[in-house]
Amino acid sequence: MSSKNLAKEIFSRLKNAYPAAKCSLQFRSPHELFVSTILSAQCTDKRVNQVTSALFRKYPTVKAFAESDIEELKEVIRSTGFYNHKARAIQVSMKTIMEKYNGEVPESLEELVKLDGVGRKTANVVLGDAFGIPGIVVDTHVKRLSNRMGLIKNTDPLKIEQDLMKLFPPDQWTLLGHLMIDHGRSICIARKPKCPDCSLNDICPSAEITAR
């Protein structure tokens, strides 16, 4: 099976297996998703959602985050880990958004990655789920699964993103990330994947190896 056909079959099967796949971070606006994505680094989405429930009430706007007391902000997000770095990244980015983008989160990858604490992963999450602009998010699940499934042979996030973009059409990029994340959390887990329960076990080149 060619790489293109393999990609097509994988997407079809995963979409059937996870029909409700979507971003698990809870948000109502682009800036809320922006903040949530920064908080999600080295933290579960479940914990982030618990924190942002109170966080977004305390700081409901970009302006509120930009003008926040940094120590108070740290305390609210403390349980997400790395709160010193995250608080600074959020506050500095929100100040930049206020000053440079009139309080509106920019809608291009080039502008997003200029913001403090924002890499391609965060930028693509915001673009895909807040603005509907196609992007491939390469997190630990996407990195692991795309290699196990034989779609790519790479460990560099940027190269993985570029390789996957060649295999899947743009209208599948955002959903692809959600599908792989769901599959990585439930079946294709890191240490001992549940290959016998996997809908891809007859086409995945790692099925027999990783199931041992």
C-alpha atoms as a PDB file:
ATOM      1  CA  MET A   1       0.000   0.000   0.000  1.00  0.00           C
ATOM      2  CA  SER A   2       1.356   3.414  -0.967  1.00  0.00           C
ATOM      3  CA  SER A   3       1.846   6.088   1.704  1.00  0.00           C
ATOM      4  CA  LYS A   4      -1.030   8.114   0.253  1.00  0.00           C
ATOM      5  CA  ASN A   5      -3.403   5.154   0.287  1.00  0.00           C
ATOM      6  CA  LEU A   6      -2.279   4.189   3.787  1.00  0.00           C
ATOM      7  CA  ALA A   7      -2.975   7.737   4.970  1.00  0.00           C
ATOM      8  CA  LYS A   8      -6.402   7.693   3.357  1.00  0.00           C
ATOM      9  CA  GLU A   9      -7.322   4.378   4.982  1.00  0.00           C
ATOM     10  CA  ILE A  10      -6.022   5.423   8.398  1.00  0.00           C
ATOM     11  CA  PHE A  11      -8.005   8.656   8.339  1.00  0.00           C
ATOM     12  CA  SER A  12     -11.182   6.861   7.272  1.00  0.00           C
ATOM     13  CA  ARG A  13     -10.916   4.234   9.995  1.00  0.00           C
ATOM     14  CA  LEU A  14     -10.024   6.685  12.751  1.00  0.00           C
ATOM     15  CA  LYS A  15     -12.876   8.974  11.766  1.00  0.00           C
ATOM     16  CA  ASN A  16     -15.236   6.020  12.020  1.00  0.00           C
ATOM     17  CA  ALA A  17     -13.774   5.003  15.381  1.00  0.00           C
ATOM     18  CA  TYR A  18     -13.933   8.510  16.873  1.00  0.00           C
ATOM     19  CA  PRO A  19     -16.914  10.295  15.279  1.00  0.00           C
ATOM     20  CA  ALA A  20     -16.998  12.919  18.047  1.00  0.00           C
ATOM     21  CA  ALA A  21     -13.297  13.804  17.916  1.00  0.00           C
ATOM     22  CA  LYS A  22     -12.679  17.472  18.649  1.00  0.00           C
ATOM     23  CA  CYS A  23     -10.508  19.781  20.721  1.00  0.00           C
ATOM     24  CA  SER A  24     -10.841  18.726  24.370  1.00  0.00           C
ATOM     25  CA  LEU A  25      -9.901  22.152  25.707  1.00  0.00           C
ATOM     26  CA  GLN A  26     -12.945  24.215  26.673  1.00  0.00           C
ATOM     27  CA  PHE A  27     -13.054  27.746  25.235  1.00  0.00           C
ATOM     28  CA  ARG A  28     -15.468  30.388  23.972  1.00  0.00           C
ATOM     29  CA  SER A  29     -13.116  32.682  22.079  1.00  0.00           C
ATOM     30  CA  PRO A  30      -9.739  32.616  20.315  1.00  0.00           C
ATOM     31  CA  HIS A  31      -7.945  34.202  23.265  1.00  0.00           C
ATOM     32  CA  GLU A  32      -9.356  31.608  25.657  1.00  0.00           C
ATOM     33  CA  LEU A  33      -8.101  28.773  23.445  1.00  0.00           C
ATOM     34  CA  PHE A  34      -4.765  30.575  23.163  1.00  0.00           C
ATOM     35  CA  VAL A  35      -4.408  30.692  26.953  1.00  0.00           C
ATOM     36  CA  SER A  36      -5.638  27.117  27.414  1.00  0.00           C
ATOM     37  CA  THR A  37      -3.130  25.795  24.903  1.00  0.00           C
ATOM     38  CA  ILE A  38      -0.244  27.495  26.687  1.00  0.00           C
ATOM     39  CA  LEU A  39      -1.449  26.001  29.974  1.00  0.00           C
ATOM     40  CA  SER A  40      -1.726  22.531  28.426  1.00  0.00           C
ATOM     41  CA  ALA A  41       2.050  22.165  28.069  1.00  0.00           C
ATOM     42  CA  GLN A  42       3.105  19.296  30.385  1.00  0.00           C
ATOM     43  CA  CYS A  43      -0.424  19.216  31.781  1.00  0.00           C
ATOM     44  CA  THR A  44      -3.595  17.263  31.045  1.00  0.00           C
ATOM     45  CA  ASP A  45      -6.470  18.933  29.239  1.00  0.00           C
ATOM     46  CA  LYS A  46      -8.738  17.827  32.085  1.00  0.00           C
ATOM     47  CA  ARG A  47      -6.692  19.798  34.612  1.00  0.00           C
ATOM     48  CA  VAL A  48      -6.501  22.805  32.293  1.00  0.00           C
ATOM     49  CA  ASN A  49     -10.291  22.856  31.936  1.00  0.00           C
ATOM     50  CA  GLN A  50     -10.663  22.756  35.705  1.00  0.00           C
ATOM     51  CA  VAL A  51      -8.329  25.736  36.058  1.00  0.00           C
ATOM     52  CA  THR A  52      -9.720  27.831  33.214  1.00  0.00           C
ATOM     53  CA  SER A  53     -13.238  27.601  34.578  1.00  0.00           C
ATOM     54  CA  ALA A  54     -12.213  30.083  37.295  1.00  0.00           C
ATOM     55  CA  LEU A  55      -9.425  31.720  35.290  1.00  0.00           C
ATOM     56  CA  PHE A  56     -11.712  33.021  32.537  1.00  0.00           C
ATOM     57  CA  ARG A  57     -14.143  34.416  35.076  1.00  0.00           C
ATOM     58  CA  LYS A  58     -11.333  36.344  36.736  1.00  0.00           C
ATOM     59  CA  TYR A  59      -9.789  37.467  33.419  1.00  0.00           C
ATOM     60  CA  PRO A  60     -12.600  37.535  30.822  1.00  0.00           C
ATOM     61  CA  THR A  61     -10.804  39.551  28.134  1.00  0.00           C
ATOM     62  CA  VAL A  62      -7.427  39.997  26.477  1.00  0.00           C
ATOM     63  CA  LYS A  63      -7.165  43.357  28.250  1.00  0.00           C
ATOM     64  CA  ALA A  64      -7.805  41.745  31.633  1.00  0.00           C
ATOM     65  CA  PHE A  65      -4.973  39.269  31.094  1.00  0.00           C
ATOM     66  CA  ALA A  66      -2.656  42.011  29.847  1.00  0.00           C
ATOM     67  CA  GLU A  67      -3.295  44.126  32.940  1.00  0.00           C
ATOM     68  CA  SER A  68      -3.308  41.231  35.414  1.00  0.00           C
ATOM     69  CA  ASP A  69      -1.175  41.102  38.530  1.00  0.00           C
ATOM     70  CA  ILE A  70       1.436  38.516  37.613  1.00  0.00           C
ATOM     71  CA  GLU A  71       1.560  37.005  41.099  1.00  0.00           C
ATOM     72  CA  GLU A  72      -2.213  36.571  41.226  1.00  0.00           C
ATOM     73  CA  LEU A  73      -2.166  35.020  37.764  1.00  0.00           C
ATOM     74  CA  LYS A  74       0.506  32.557  38.871  1.00  0.00           C
ATOM     75  CA  GLU A  75      -1.607  31.445  41.795  1.00  0.00           C
ATOM     76  CA  VAL A  76      -4.675  30.763  39.665  1.00  0.00           C
ATOM     77  CA  ILE A  77      -2.723  28.611  37.188  1.00  0.00           C
ATOM     78  CA  ARG A  78      -0.291  27.052  39.694  1.00  0.00           C
ATOM     79  CA  SER A  79      -1.755  23.537  39.460  1.00  0.00           C
ATOM     80  CA  THR A  80      -0.996  23.319  35.708  1.00  0.00           C
ATOM     81  CA  GLY A  81       2.738  23.258  36.443  1.00  0.00           C
ATOM     82  CA  PHE A  82       5.527  25.541  35.197  1.00  0.00           C
ATOM     83  CA  TYR A  83       3.269  28.388  36.289  1.00  0.00           C
ATOM     84  CA  ASN A  84       6.015  31.036  36.419  1.00  0.00           C
ATOM     85  CA  HIS A  85       6.850  30.568  32.755  1.00  0.00           C
ATOM     86  CA  LYS A  86       3.231  30.131  31.691  1.00  0.00           C
ATOM     87  CA  ALA A  87       2.021  33.229  33.550  1.00  0.00           C
ATOM     88  CA  ARG A  88       4.708  35.354  31.983  1.00  0.00           C
ATOM     89  CA  ALA A  89       4.026  33.972  28.489  1.00  0.00           C
ATOM     90  CA  ILE A  90       0.299  34.631  28.839  1.00  0.00           C
ATOM     91  CA  GLN A  91       0.679  38.156  30.182  1.00  0.00           C
ATOM     92  CA  VAL A  92       3.371  39.231  27.701  1.00  0.00           C
ATOM     93  CA  SER A  93       1.470  37.748  24.747  1.00  0.00           C
ATOM     94  CA  MET A  94      -1.777  39.437  25.773  1.00  0.00           C
ATOM     95  CA  LYS A  95       0.021  42.772  26.085  1.00  0.00           C
ATOM     96  CA  THR A  96       1.402  42.309  22.573  1.00  0.00           C
ATOM     97  CA  ILE A  97      -2.033  41.381  21.243  1.00  0.00           C
ATOM     98  CA  MET A  98      -3.467  44.543  22.809  1.00  0.00           C
ATOM     99  CA  GLU A  99      -0.704  46.792  21.502  1.00  0.00           C
ATOM    100  CA  LYS A 100      -0.051  45.296  18.081  1.00  0.00           C
ATOM    101  CA  TYR A 101      -3.298  43.574  17.093  1.00  0.00           C
ATOM    102  CA  ASN A 102      -5.954  45.803  18.662  1.00  0.00           C
ATOM    103  CA  GLY A 103      -6.881  43.136  21.188  1.00  0.00           C
ATOM    104  CA  GLU A 104      -7.601  40.464  18.566  1.00  0.00           C
ATOM    105  CA  VAL A 105      -5.647  37.211  18.390  1.00  0.00           C
ATOM    106  CA  PRO A 106      -3.855  37.172  14.994  1.00  0.00           C
ATOM    107  CA  GLU A 107      -5.101  34.676  12.416  1.00  0.00           C
ATOM    108  CA  SER A 108      -1.826  33.639  10.799  1.00  0.00           C
ATOM    109  CA  LEU A 109       0.844  31.199  11.867  1.00  0.00           C
ATOM    110  CA  GLU A 110       3.563  33.711  11.036  1.00  0.00           C
ATOM    111  CA  GLU A 111       2.136  36.279  13.468  1.00  0.00           C
ATOM    112  CA  LEU A 112       1.161  33.799  16.173  1.00  0.00           C
ATOM    113  CA  VAL A 113       4.637  32.298  16.519  1.00  0.00           C
ATOM    114  CA  LYS A 114       6.025  35.776  17.157  1.00  0.00           C
ATOM    115  CA  LEU A 115       4.093  35.895  20.427  1.00  0.00           C
ATOM    116  CA  ASP A 116       5.817  34.953  23.676  1.00  0.00           C
ATOM    117  CA  GLY A 117       5.652  31.249  24.488  1.00  0.00           C
ATOM    118  CA  VAL A 118       4.032  30.292  21.192  1.00  0.00           C
ATOM    119  CA  GLY A 119       5.425  27.598  18.915  1.00  0.00           C
ATOM    120  CA  ARG A 120       3.939  25.963  15.842  1.00  0.00           C
ATOM    121  CA  LYS A 121       1.956  23.500  17.953  1.00  0.00           C
ATOM    122  CA  THR A 122       0.110  26.215  19.886  1.00  0.00           C
ATOM    123  CA  ALA A 123      -0.314  28.305  16.740  1.00  0.00           C
ATOM    124  CA  ASN A 124      -1.853  25.416  14.797  1.00  0.00           C
ATOM    125  CA  VAL A 125      -4.241  24.575  17.643  1.00  0.00           C
ATOM    126  CA  VAL A 126      -5.519  28.160  17.673  1.00  0.00           C
ATOM    127  CA  LEU A 127      -5.705  28.398  13.885  1.00  0.00           C
ATOM    128  CA  GLY A 128      -7.514  25.112  13.436  1.00  0.00           C
ATOM    129  CA  ASP A 129      -9.979  25.193  16.320  1.00  0.00           C
ATOM    130  CA  ALA A 130     -10.583  28.904  16.821  1.00  0.00           C
ATOM    131  CA  PHE A 131     -10.423  30.123  13.232  1.00  0.00           C
ATOM    132  CA  GLY A 132     -11.037  27.048  11.080  1.00  0.00           C
ATOM    133  CA  ILE A 133      -7.698  27.513   9.319  1.00  0.00           C
ATOM    134  CA  PRO A 134      -6.120  24.109   8.504  1.00  0.00           C
ATOM    135  CA  GLY A 135      -3.039  23.141  10.466  1.00  0.00           C
ATOM    136  CA  ILE A 136      -1.420  19.943  11.730  1.00  0.00           C
ATOM    137  CA  VAL A 137      -0.698  19.863  15.437  1.00  0.00           C
ATOM    138  CA  VAL A 138       2.299  17.702  16.289  1.00  0.00           C
ATOM    139  CA  ASP A 139       2.090  16.709  19.935  1.00  0.00           C
ATOM    140  CA  THR A 140       3.450  13.611  21.665  1.00  0.00           C
ATOM    141  CA  HIS A 141       0.549  11.459  20.391  1.00  0.00           C
ATOM    142  CA  VAL A 142       0.810  12.572  16.762  1.00  0.00           C
ATOM    143  CA  LYS A 143       4.567  12.110  16.854  1.00  0.00           C
ATOM    144  CA  ARG A 144       4.282   8.584  18.261  1.00  0.00           C
ATOM    145  CA  LEU A 145       1.378   7.389  16.129  1.00  0.00           C
ATOM    146  CA  SER A 146       2.549   8.743  12.795  1.00  0.00           C
ATOM    147  CA  ASN A 147       5.822   6.864  13.207  1.00  0.00           C
ATOM    148  CA  ARG A 148       4.239   3.649  14.485  1.00  0.00           C
ATOM    149  CA  MET A 149       1.720   3.628  11.650  1.00  0.00           C
ATOM    150  CA  GLY A 150       4.483   3.908   9.081  1.00  0.00           C
ATOM    151  CA  LEU A 151       3.264   7.243   7.755  1.00  0.00           C
ATOM    152  CA  ILE A 152       6.625   8.899   8.392  1.00  0.00           C
ATOM    153  CA  LYS A 153      10.079   8.142   9.733  1.00  0.00           C
ATOM    154  CA  ASN A 154      10.973  11.273  11.617  1.00  0.00           C
ATOM    155  CA  THR A 155      11.253  12.636  15.126  1.00  0.00           C
ATOM    156  CA  ASP A 156      11.588  16.352  14.416  1.00  0.00           C
ATOM    157  CA  PRO A 157       8.170  18.042  14.940  1.00  0.00           C
ATOM    158  CA  LEU A 158       8.561  20.437  12.013  1.00  0.00           C
ATOM    159  CA  LYS A 159       9.524  17.654   9.610  1.00  0.00           C
ATOM    160  CA  ILE A 160       6.668  15.487  10.903  1.00  0.00           C
ATOM    161  CA  GLU A 161       4.243  18.346  10.279  1.00  0.00           C
ATOM    162  CA  GLN A 162       5.574  18.887   6.767  1.00  0.00           C
ATOM    163  CA  ASP A 163       5.510  15.172   5.914  1.00  0.00           C
ATOM    164  CA  LEU A 164       1.922  14.750   7.143  1.00  0.00           C
ATOM    165  CA  MET A 165       0.828  17.806   5.164  1.00  0.00           C
ATOM    166  CA  LYS A 166       1.976  16.019   2.021  1.00  0.00           C
ATOM    167  CA  LEU A 167       0.005  12.863   2.848  1.00  0.00           C
ATOM    168  CA  PHE A 168      -3.317  14.404   3.914  1.00  0.00           C
ATOM    169  CA  PRO A 169      -5.440  17.084   2.181  1.00  0.00           C
ATOM    170  CA  PRO A 170      -5.732  20.426   4.024  1.00  0.00           C
ATOM    171  CA  ASP A 171      -9.394  19.889   4.940  1.00  0.00           C
ATOM    172  CA  GLN A 172      -8.314  16.890   7.052  1.00  0.00           C
ATOM    173  CA  TRP A 173      -5.378  18.471   8.890  1.00  0.00           C
ATOM    174  CA  THR A 174      -7.158  19.785  11.984  1.00  0.00           C
ATOM    175  CA  LEU A 175      -9.343  16.729  12.496  1.00  0.00           C
ATOM    176  CA  LEU A 176      -6.389  14.425  11.909  1.00  0.00           C
ATOM    177  CA  GLY A 177      -4.742  15.773  15.044  1.00  0.00           C
ATOM    178  CA  HIS A 178      -7.861  15.212  17.143  1.00  0.00           C
ATOM    179  CA  LEU A 179      -8.283  11.685  15.789  1.00  0.00           C
ATOM    180  CA  MET A 180      -4.691  10.742  16.526  1.00  0.00           C
ATOM    181  CA  ILE A 181      -4.855  12.261  20.005  1.00  0.00           C
ATOM    182  CA  ASP A 182      -8.024  10.320  20.835  1.00  0.00           C
ATOM    183  CA  HIS A 183      -6.498   7.117  19.460  1.00  0.00           C
ATOM    184  CA  GLY A 184      -3.241   7.736  21.297  1.00  0.00           C
ATOM    185  CA  ARG A 185      -5.055   8.213  24.580  1.00  0.00           C
ATOM    186  CA  SER A 186      -7.350   5.215  24.314  1.00  0.00           C
ATOM    187  CA  ILE A 187      -5.622   2.546  22.193  1.00  0.00           C
ATOM    188  CA  CYS A 188      -2.168   3.406  20.866  1.00  0.00           C
ATOM    189  CA  ILE A 189      -0.792   4.360  24.268  1.00  0.00           C
ATOM    190  CA  ALA A 190       2.914   4.939  24.784  1.00  0.00           C
ATOM    191  CA  ARG A 191       4.139   1.971  26.809  1.00  0.00           C
ATOM    192  CA  LYS A 192       1.911  -0.926  25.808  1.00  0.00           C
ATOM    193  CA  PRO A 193      -0.469  -0.194  22.948  1.00  0.00           C
ATOM    194  CA  LYS A 194      -3.674  -2.213  22.780  1.00  0.00           C
ATOM    195  CA  CYS A 195      -3.015  -3.576  19.313  1.00  0.00           C
ATOM    196  CA  PRO A 196      -5.589  -6.424  19.470  1.00  0.00           C
ATOM    197  CA  ASP A 197      -8.287  -3.800  20.047  1.00  0.00           C
ATOM    198  CA  CYS A 198      -7.041  -1.455  17.324  1.00  0.00           C
ATOM    199  CA  SER A 199      -9.039  -0.918  14.143  1.00  0.00           C
ATOM    200  CA  LEU A 200      -5.755  -0.429  12.289  1.00  0.00           C
ATOM    201  CA  ASN A 201      -3.993  -3.604  13.372  1.00  0.00           C
ATOM    202  CA  ASP A 202      -4.196  -5.200   9.912  1.00  0.00           C
ATOM    203  CA  ILE A 203      -2.497  -2.266   8.185  1.00  0.00           C
ATOM    204  CA  CYS A 204      -0.230  -0.899  10.916  1.00  0.00           C
ATOM    205  CA  PRO A 205       3.384  -2.105  10.445  1.00  0.00           C
ATOM    206  CA  SER A 206       4.037  -1.841  14.194  1.00  0.00           C
ATOM    207  CA  ALA A 207       1.062  -3.930  15.331  1.00  0.00           C
ATOM    208  CA  GLU A 208       2.922  -7.167  15.967  1.00  0.00           C
ATOM    209  CA  ILE A 209       6.085  -5.526  17.250  1.00  0.00           C
ATOM    210  CA  THR A 210       4.578  -3.144  19.799  1.00  0.00           C
ATOM    211  CA  ALA A 211       2.012  -5.640  21.062  1.00  0.00           C
ATOM    212  CA  ARG A 212       4.716  -8.022  22.359  1.00  0.00           C
END
